Amino acid sequence: MTLNERRQDIIGLAMYKNKVNKIQLSKELNLSYPTMLNKLNNPGNFRLNELDRLCDFLNIDVTELSTNKI
């Protein structure tokens, strides 16, 4: 599993647990919906401030997204 695949899984699971859909997430991060879809497909494209807001909103530890340990 690549780091980006792991990030996708972590973000998807957090969205499910928090009952957040992609539209809500795009509004929270102040991104257009197509941009949000692009970044969710390749989480390495998130800017640091976007990643910080994403983690705060979804209650994810930012270090969990930056490591490839399972």
Protein backbone atom coordinates (compact mmCIF):
# COMPACT_ATOMS: atom_id res chain seq x y z
CA MET A 1 0.00 0.00 0.00
CA THR A 2 1.43 3.35 -1.02
CA LEU A 3 1.42 6.40 1.22
CA ASN A 4 -1.26 8.09 -0.92
CA GLU A 5 -3.47 5.00 -0.77
CA ARG A 6 -3.08 4.93 3.01
CA ARG A 7 -3.97 8.63 3.21
CA GLN A 8 -7.06 8.04 1.06
CA ASP A 9 -8.15 5.23 3.39
CA ILE A 10 -7.59 7.29 6.54
CA ILE A 11 -9.47 10.31 5.16
CA GLY A 12 -12.31 8.17 3.81
CA LEU A 13 -12.72 6.35 7.12
CA ALA A 14 -12.68 9.64 9.06
CA MET A 15 -15.29 11.09 6.73
CA TYR A 16 -17.48 8.03 7.28
CA LYS A 17 -17.05 8.10 11.07
CA ASN A 18 -17.84 11.83 11.21
CA LYS A 19 -20.69 11.54 8.68
CA VAL A 20 -19.09 14.16 6.45
CA ASN A 21 -19.60 14.09 2.70
CA LYS A 22 -17.31 15.53 0.05
CA ILE A 23 -19.46 18.61 -0.48
CA GLN A 24 -19.33 19.46 3.23
CA LEU A 25 -15.58 18.90 3.25
CA SER A 26 -15.03 21.13 0.23
CA LYS A 27 -17.02 23.92 1.90
CA GLU A 28 -15.13 23.53 5.18
CA LEU A 29 -11.76 23.72 3.40
CA ASN A 30 -12.99 26.52 1.14
CA LEU A 31 -12.18 24.53 -2.02
CA SER A 32 -14.27 23.98 -5.11
CA TYR A 33 -15.84 20.54 -5.38
CA PRO A 34 -13.70 19.47 -8.39
CA THR A 35 -10.54 20.60 -6.60
CA MET A 36 -11.58 18.65 -3.51
CA LEU A 37 -12.12 15.51 -5.59
CA ASN A 38 -8.68 15.92 -7.15
CA LYS A 39 -7.03 16.31 -3.75
CA LEU A 40 -8.91 13.36 -2.27
CA ASN A 41 -7.71 11.21 -5.18
CA ASN A 42 -4.14 12.38 -4.58
CA PRO A 43 -3.86 13.53 -0.94
CA GLY A 44 -0.21 14.47 -1.47
CA ASN A 45 -1.52 17.56 -3.30
CA PHE A 46 -3.03 19.09 -0.16
CA ARG A 47 -1.24 22.24 0.94
CA LEU A 48 -0.10 22.27 4.55
CA ASN A 49 -2.80 24.68 5.73
CA GLU A 50 -5.49 22.61 3.95
CA LEU A 51 -4.15 19.43 5.52
CA ASP A 52 -4.16 21.07 8.95
CA ARG A 53 -7.81 22.18 8.54
CA LEU A 54 -8.75 18.74 7.18
CA CYS A 55 -7.23 17.01 10.20
CA ASP A 56 -8.91 19.40 12.63
CA PHE A 57 -12.30 19.00 10.94
CA LEU A 58 -12.13 15.19 10.75
CA ASN A 59 -10.31 14.66 14.07
CA ILE A 60 -7.31 13.03 12.42
CA ASP A 61 -3.80 13.17 13.83
CA VAL A 62 -1.66 14.88 11.19
CA THR A 63 1.25 12.52 11.96
CA GLU A 64 -1.00 9.58 11.08
CA LEU A 65 -1.28 10.96 7.54
CA SER A 66 2.45 11.53 7.20
CA THR A 67 3.67 8.04 8.06
CA ASN A 68 3.40 4.81 6.12
CA LYS A 69 3.15 2.55 9.18
CA ILE A 70 0.11 0.32 9.36
